[in-house]
Structure formats: C-alpha cells, structure tokens
Amino acid sequence: MNDKPHLDEEALAELQDVMEDEFDVLIQTYLEDSRTRIQSLRDALADADSDQFSKAAHSFKGSCVNIGAPRLGELCFDAEKLGKNDQLDQAPGVMTRIEKEFEDVAWRLQHFNQ
C-alpha cells in the first residue's frame, strides 16, 4: 500500500481543469460525504453488520478513487474484503488507518494548488 500516493495530483489537476470554478465545491462535497461514509463504517462495525460494513467500504472506495485518493481507496478495499469475509474482528485496525489517512487526504485536498 505504501507505494500508492495520498493524492493523485495529476488526476486532481485534470478534475480542476474540467470543474473550473466548481472544483472547490467538489472537494468540499467529497469531504462532507466522506465523513458521513466513515460514520456509516463505524456504525456497521458497532452493529457487527459485515454486509453493511462491506457495502459502506465499497461505496467509500469508489468516491476515493474518483477524487484521486488512491491510498485511501486501497484501505477501503481492505475494509470491504474484511466485511465480505465476515472478519470484522480485524476491522478496528483498518478503521484507524482509514480515519488517519482521511485526515491526511482532507488536509492535502484543502491545500491543493494553494
């Protein structure tokens, strides 16, 4: 996983070109949505709901890949596999890494091209 960057700056630059003035709105929407998705993961974990945990991780993975956060996307994929394999006993460690990586990504996105 360490070979993946926190942000795919080339993909972000392309998004910025396409979105123009709406790029900041896109970033803020992604950040707000991601916080909701992380809470959904926490809730599914607290409920020991492997299926919901897997689905929430899968959904979050897609938004991470779309915004250009490959390392976070890979962590979400790891979480998705844990849910699919009904291995939620291993999920707290992945959740900690997801939350830490999200904070890093959020900071980087908020300071992108400043």
N, C-alpha and C. Protein backbone atom coordinates (compact mmCIF):
# COMPACT_ATOMS: atom_id res chain seq x y z
N MET A 1 0.82 -1.20 0.00
CA MET A 1 0.00 0.00 0.00
C MET A 1 0.86 1.26 0.00
N ASN A 2 2.03 1.21 0.59
CA ASN A 2 2.86 2.40 0.72
C ASN A 2 3.32 2.97 -0.60
N ASP A 3 3.21 2.18 -1.69
CA ASP A 3 3.62 2.70 -2.98
C ASP A 3 2.57 3.62 -3.59
N LYS A 4 1.37 3.59 -3.07
CA LYS A 4 0.32 4.47 -3.58
C LYS A 4 0.42 5.84 -2.92
N PRO A 5 0.26 6.90 -3.71
CA PRO A 5 0.32 8.25 -3.12
C PRO A 5 -0.96 8.57 -2.35
N HIS A 6 -0.83 9.56 -1.48
CA HIS A 6 -2.03 10.04 -0.77
C HIS A 6 -3.00 10.64 -1.78
N LEU A 7 -2.47 11.44 -2.69
CA LEU A 7 -3.29 12.06 -3.74
C LEU A 7 -2.66 11.81 -5.10
N ASP A 8 -3.52 11.60 -6.08
CA ASP A 8 -3.09 11.53 -7.47
C ASP A 8 -3.21 12.96 -8.01
N GLU A 9 -2.11 13.70 -7.91
CA GLU A 9 -2.16 15.12 -8.25
C GLU A 9 -2.47 15.36 -9.72
N GLU A 10 -2.06 14.45 -10.58
CA GLU A 10 -2.37 14.60 -12.00
C GLU A 10 -3.88 14.48 -12.24
N ALA A 11 -4.50 13.50 -11.60
CA ALA A 11 -5.95 13.33 -11.73
C ALA A 11 -6.69 14.54 -11.14
N LEU A 12 -6.18 15.03 -10.01
CA LEU A 12 -6.81 16.21 -9.40
C LEU A 12 -6.68 17.44 -10.29
N ALA A 13 -5.53 17.60 -10.91
CA ALA A 13 -5.34 18.74 -11.82
C ALA A 13 -6.31 18.66 -13.00
N GLU A 14 -6.52 17.44 -13.51
CA GLU A 14 -7.49 17.26 -14.60
C GLU A 14 -8.91 17.59 -14.14
N LEU A 15 -9.26 17.13 -12.94
CA LEU A 15 -10.57 17.45 -12.38
C LEU A 15 -10.73 18.96 -12.22
N GLN A 16 -9.68 19.60 -11.77
CA GLN A 16 -9.71 21.04 -11.56
C GLN A 16 -9.93 21.76 -12.90
N ASP A 17 -9.27 21.28 -13.95
CA ASP A 17 -9.45 21.88 -15.28
C ASP A 17 -10.89 21.71 -15.76
N VAL A 18 -11.44 20.53 -15.56
CA VAL A 18 -12.80 20.25 -16.02
C VAL A 18 -13.84 21.00 -15.19
N MET A 19 -13.66 20.99 -13.89
CA MET A 19 -14.65 21.58 -12.97
C MET A 19 -14.56 23.10 -12.87
N GLU A 20 -13.39 23.65 -13.18
CA GLU A 20 -13.14 25.08 -13.10
C GLU A 20 -13.57 25.65 -11.75
N ASP A 21 -14.53 26.58 -11.74
CA ASP A 21 -14.94 27.26 -10.51
C ASP A 21 -15.67 26.33 -9.54
N GLU A 22 -16.14 25.19 -10.02
CA GLU A 22 -16.88 24.25 -9.17
C GLU A 22 -15.96 23.26 -8.46
N PHE A 23 -14.65 23.34 -8.72
CA PHE A 23 -13.70 22.40 -8.13
C PHE A 23 -13.74 22.45 -6.61
N ASP A 24 -13.76 23.64 -6.05
CA ASP A 24 -13.80 23.77 -4.58
C ASP A 24 -15.08 23.16 -4.00
N VAL A 25 -16.18 23.32 -4.71
CA VAL A 25 -17.45 22.73 -4.27
C VAL A 25 -17.33 21.21 -4.30
N LEU A 26 -16.71 20.68 -5.35
CA LEU A 26 -16.50 19.23 -5.46
C LEU A 26 -15.68 18.71 -4.28
N ILE A 27 -14.61 19.41 -3.95
CA ILE A 27 -13.75 18.99 -2.84
C ILE A 27 -14.52 19.02 -1.53
N GLN A 28 -15.24 20.10 -1.27
CA GLN A 28 -16.00 20.20 -0.03
C GLN A 28 -17.09 19.13 0.06
N THR A 29 -17.73 18.85 -1.06
CA THR A 29 -18.75 17.81 -1.11
C THR A 29 -18.13 16.45 -0.81
N TYR A 30 -16.98 16.17 -1.40
CA TYR A 30 -16.29 14.91 -1.14
C TYR A 30 -15.94 14.79 0.34
N LEU A 31 -15.42 15.86 0.93
CA LEU A 31 -15.02 15.82 2.34
C LEU A 31 -16.22 15.57 3.25
N GLU A 32 -17.32 16.26 3.01
CA GLU A 32 -18.52 16.07 3.82
C GLU A 32 -19.08 14.66 3.65
N ASP A 33 -19.13 14.21 2.40
CA ASP A 33 -19.63 12.88 2.10
C ASP A 33 -18.74 11.81 2.75
N SER A 34 -17.45 12.02 2.73
CA SER A 34 -16.51 11.06 3.31
C SER A 34 -16.71 10.94 4.81
N ARG A 35 -16.95 12.04 5.47
CA ARG A 35 -17.20 11.98 6.92
C ARG A 35 -18.45 11.16 7.22
N THR A 36 -19.46 11.31 6.38
CA THR A 36 -20.69 10.52 6.52
C THR A 36 -20.40 9.04 6.28
N ARG A 37 -19.59 8.75 5.28
CA ARG A 37 -19.25 7.36 4.96
C ARG A 37 -18.43 6.72 6.09
N ILE A 38 -17.52 7.48 6.67
CA ILE A 38 -16.74 6.96 7.80
C ILE A 38 -17.66 6.65 8.97
N GLN A 39 -18.64 7.51 9.21
CA GLN A 39 -19.60 7.24 10.28
C GLN A 39 -20.42 5.99 9.98
N SER A 40 -20.77 5.79 8.72
CA SER A 40 -21.51 4.57 8.33
C SER A 40 -20.66 3.33 8.59
N LEU A 41 -19.36 3.42 8.33
CA LEU A 41 -18.47 2.30 8.63
C LEU A 41 -18.42 2.04 10.13
N ARG A 42 -18.30 3.11 10.91
CA ARG A 42 -18.28 2.96 12.37
C ARG A 42 -19.57 2.31 12.88
N ASP A 43 -20.70 2.79 12.35
CA ASP A 43 -21.99 2.26 12.78
C ASP A 43 -22.12 0.77 12.44
N ALA A 44 -21.73 0.40 11.22
CA ALA A 44 -21.80 -1.01 10.81
C ALA A 44 -20.89 -1.87 11.67
N LEU A 45 -19.73 -1.33 12.00
CA LEU A 45 -18.80 -2.07 12.86
C LEU A 45 -19.39 -2.24 14.26
N ALA A 46 -19.96 -1.18 14.79
CA ALA A 46 -20.58 -1.23 16.13
C ALA A 46 -21.73 -2.23 16.16
N ASP A 47 -22.45 -2.34 15.04
CA ASP A 47 -23.58 -3.27 14.95
C ASP A 47 -23.14 -4.68 14.55
N ALA A 48 -21.83 -4.85 14.31
CA ALA A 48 -21.29 -6.14 13.84
C ALA A 48 -22.01 -6.60 12.57
N ASP A 49 -22.29 -5.64 11.67
CA ASP A 49 -23.00 -5.91 10.43
C ASP A 49 -21.99 -5.98 9.28
N SER A 50 -21.49 -7.18 9.02
CA SER A 50 -20.46 -7.38 7.99
C SER A 50 -20.92 -6.92 6.61
N ASP A 51 -22.17 -7.23 6.27
CA ASP A 51 -22.69 -6.87 4.95
C ASP A 51 -22.73 -5.35 4.78
N GLN A 52 -23.26 -4.66 5.77
CA GLN A 52 -23.34 -3.20 5.68
C GLN A 52 -21.94 -2.58 5.69
N PHE A 53 -21.04 -3.15 6.48
CA PHE A 53 -19.66 -2.66 6.53
C PHE A 53 -19.00 -2.79 5.16
N SER A 54 -19.19 -3.94 4.52
CA SER A 54 -18.63 -4.17 3.19
C SER A 54 -19.20 -3.19 2.17
N LYS A 55 -20.52 -3.00 2.22
CA LYS A 55 -21.17 -2.08 1.27
C LYS A 55 -20.72 -0.64 1.48
N ALA A 56 -20.62 -0.22 2.73
CA ALA A 56 -20.17 1.15 3.02
C ALA A 56 -18.72 1.34 2.56
N ALA A 57 -17.88 0.34 2.80
CA ALA A 57 -16.48 0.43 2.38
C ALA A 57 -16.38 0.47 0.86
N HIS A 58 -17.19 -0.33 0.18
CA HIS A 58 -17.18 -0.34 -1.29
C HIS A 58 -17.57 1.02 -1.85
N SER A 59 -18.60 1.60 -1.30
CA SER A 59 -19.07 2.91 -1.75
C SER A 59 -18.02 3.99 -1.51
N PHE A 60 -17.41 3.95 -0.33
CA PHE A 60 -16.37 4.93 0.01
C PHE A 60 -15.16 4.75 -0.90
N LYS A 61 -14.82 3.51 -1.21
CA LYS A 61 -13.70 3.22 -2.10
C LYS A 61 -13.89 3.92 -3.44
N GLY A 62 -15.11 3.82 -3.99
CA GLY A 62 -15.40 4.43 -5.28
C GLY A 62 -15.22 5.94 -5.26
N SER A 63 -15.68 6.58 -4.22
CA SER A 63 -15.55 8.04 -4.18
C SER A 63 -14.09 8.45 -4.00
N CYS A 64 -13.32 7.64 -3.27
CA CYS A 64 -11.89 7.94 -3.09
C CYS A 64 -11.14 7.84 -4.42
N VAL A 65 -11.44 6.78 -5.16
CA VAL A 65 -10.79 6.59 -6.46
C VAL A 65 -11.17 7.74 -7.40
N ASN A 66 -12.44 8.12 -7.39
CA ASN A 66 -12.91 9.19 -8.28
C ASN A 66 -12.26 10.54 -7.98
N ILE A 67 -12.00 10.82 -6.71
CA ILE A 67 -11.43 12.11 -6.35
C ILE A 67 -9.91 12.11 -6.49
N GLY A 68 -9.32 10.93 -6.55
CA GLY A 68 -7.87 10.84 -6.68
C GLY A 68 -7.16 10.63 -5.36
N ALA A 69 -7.73 9.78 -4.51
CA ALA A 69 -7.12 9.43 -3.22
C ALA A 69 -6.86 7.91 -3.20
N PRO A 70 -5.85 7.45 -3.97
CA PRO A 70 -5.66 6.01 -4.14
C PRO A 70 -5.30 5.23 -2.88
N ARG A 71 -4.53 5.82 -2.00
CA ARG A 71 -4.16 5.10 -0.77
C ARG A 71 -5.39 4.88 0.11
N LEU A 72 -6.23 5.90 0.23
CA LEU A 72 -7.46 5.77 1.00
C LEU A 72 -8.40 4.76 0.33
N GLY A 73 -8.45 4.79 -0.99
CA GLY A 73 -9.26 3.82 -1.72
C GLY A 73 -8.82 2.39 -1.46
N GLU A 74 -7.51 2.19 -1.38
CA GLU A 74 -7.00 0.84 -1.11
C GLU A 74 -7.35 0.38 0.31
N LEU A 75 -7.28 1.30 1.26
CA LEU A 75 -7.68 0.96 2.62
C LEU A 75 -9.17 0.59 2.67
N CYS A 76 -9.98 1.31 1.92
CA CYS A 76 -11.41 0.99 1.85
C CYS A 76 -11.63 -0.38 1.23
N PHE A 77 -10.80 -0.73 0.25
CA PHE A 77 -10.89 -2.05 -0.37
C PHE A 77 -10.55 -3.13 0.66
N ASP A 78 -9.53 -2.86 1.48
CA ASP A 78 -9.19 -3.81 2.56
C ASP A 78 -10.37 -3.99 3.51
N ALA A 79 -11.02 -2.88 3.86
CA ALA A 79 -12.20 -2.94 4.74
C ALA A 79 -13.33 -3.71 4.07
N GLU A 80 -13.53 -3.46 2.79
CA GLU A 80 -14.58 -4.16 2.04
C GLU A 80 -14.36 -5.68 2.10
N LYS A 81 -13.12 -6.10 1.88
CA LYS A 81 -12.81 -7.53 1.93
C LYS A 81 -13.08 -8.12 3.31
N LEU A 82 -12.72 -7.37 4.36
CA LEU A 82 -12.99 -7.86 5.71
C LEU A 82 -14.49 -8.09 5.93
N GLY A 83 -15.30 -7.14 5.45
CA GLY A 83 -16.74 -7.29 5.58
C GLY A 83 -17.25 -8.48 4.79
N LYS A 84 -16.79 -8.62 3.55
CA LYS A 84 -17.24 -9.74 2.71
C LYS A 84 -16.85 -11.08 3.31
N ASN A 85 -15.71 -11.11 3.98
CA ASN A 85 -15.22 -12.36 4.56
C ASN A 85 -15.65 -12.54 6.02
N ASP A 86 -16.53 -11.65 6.47
CA ASP A 86 -17.05 -11.70 7.84
C ASP A 86 -15.91 -11.76 8.87
N GLN A 87 -14.94 -10.85 8.67
CA GLN A 87 -13.77 -10.77 9.56
C GLN A 87 -13.73 -9.42 10.27
N LEU A 88 -14.86 -9.01 10.83
CA LEU A 88 -14.92 -7.69 11.47
C LEU A 88 -14.03 -7.58 12.70
N ASP A 89 -13.56 -8.71 13.22
CA ASP A 89 -12.64 -8.65 14.35
C ASP A 89 -11.34 -7.93 13.96
N GLN A 90 -11.01 -7.93 12.67
CA GLN A 90 -9.81 -7.25 12.18
C GLN A 90 -10.09 -5.82 11.71
N ALA A 91 -11.35 -5.44 11.69
CA ALA A 91 -11.75 -4.15 11.13
C ALA A 91 -11.33 -2.92 11.95
N PRO A 92 -11.26 -2.99 13.27
CA PRO A 92 -10.88 -1.77 14.00
C PRO A 92 -9.52 -1.20 13.58
N GLY A 93 -8.56 -2.06 13.30
CA GLY A 93 -7.26 -1.58 12.85
C GLY A 93 -7.34 -0.89 11.50
N VAL A 94 -8.12 -1.46 10.60
CA VAL A 94 -8.31 -0.85 9.28
C VAL A 94 -9.05 0.47 9.43
N MET A 95 -10.04 0.51 10.31
CA MET A 95 -10.77 1.76 10.53
C MET A 95 -9.84 2.86 11.03
N THR A 96 -8.95 2.52 11.92
CA THR A 96 -7.99 3.51 12.42
C THR A 96 -7.14 4.05 11.27
N ARG A 97 -6.69 3.16 10.39
CA ARG A 97 -5.87 3.60 9.25
C ARG A 97 -6.69 4.43 8.27
N ILE A 98 -7.96 4.05 8.06
CA ILE A 98 -8.84 4.83 7.17
C ILE A 98 -9.02 6.24 7.73
N GLU A 99 -9.31 6.33 9.01
CA GLU A 99 -9.55 7.65 9.61
C GLU A 99 -8.30 8.52 9.56
N LYS A 100 -7.15 7.93 9.83
CA LYS A 100 -5.89 8.68 9.78
C LYS A 100 -5.59 9.13 8.35
N GLU A 101 -5.75 8.23 7.40
CA GLU A 101 -5.49 8.57 6.01
C GLU A 101 -6.48 9.62 5.51
N PHE A 102 -7.73 9.52 5.93
CA PHE A 102 -8.71 10.53 5.51
C PHE A 102 -8.30 11.91 6.01
N GLU A 103 -7.85 12.01 7.24
CA GLU A 103 -7.43 13.31 7.77
C GLU A 103 -6.26 13.87 6.95
N ASP A 104 -5.34 13.00 6.56
CA ASP A 104 -4.21 13.41 5.74
C ASP A 104 -4.70 13.88 4.36
N VAL A 105 -5.57 13.09 3.75
CA VAL A 105 -6.12 13.44 2.44
C VAL A 105 -6.91 14.75 2.51
N ALA A 106 -7.72 14.91 3.56
CA ALA A 106 -8.52 16.13 3.71
C ALA A 106 -7.61 17.35 3.78
N TRP A 107 -6.55 17.25 4.55
CA TRP A 107 -5.62 18.38 4.66
C TRP A 107 -4.99 18.68 3.30
N ARG A 108 -4.54 17.64 2.62
CA ARG A 108 -3.91 17.83 1.31
C ARG A 108 -4.87 18.42 0.28
N LEU A 109 -6.12 17.96 0.30
CA LEU A 109 -7.11 18.50 -0.64
C LEU A 109 -7.40 19.96 -0.37
N GLN A 110 -7.48 20.31 0.90
CA GLN A 110 -7.78 21.70 1.25
C GLN A 110 -6.62 22.63 0.91
N HIS A 111 -5.43 22.08 0.75
CA HIS A 111 -4.26 22.90 0.42
C HIS A 111 -3.76 22.64 -0.99
N PHE A 112 -4.53 21.92 -1.80
CA PHE A 112 -4.14 21.61 -3.18
C PHE A 112 -4.08 22.88 -4.00
N ASN A 113 -2.94 23.10 -4.64
CA ASN A 113 -2.71 24.25 -5.52
C ASN A 113 -2.89 25.60 -4.83
N GLN A 114 -2.53 25.67 -3.56
CA GLN A 114 -2.60 26.98 -2.89
C GLN A 114 -1.24 27.62 -2.84
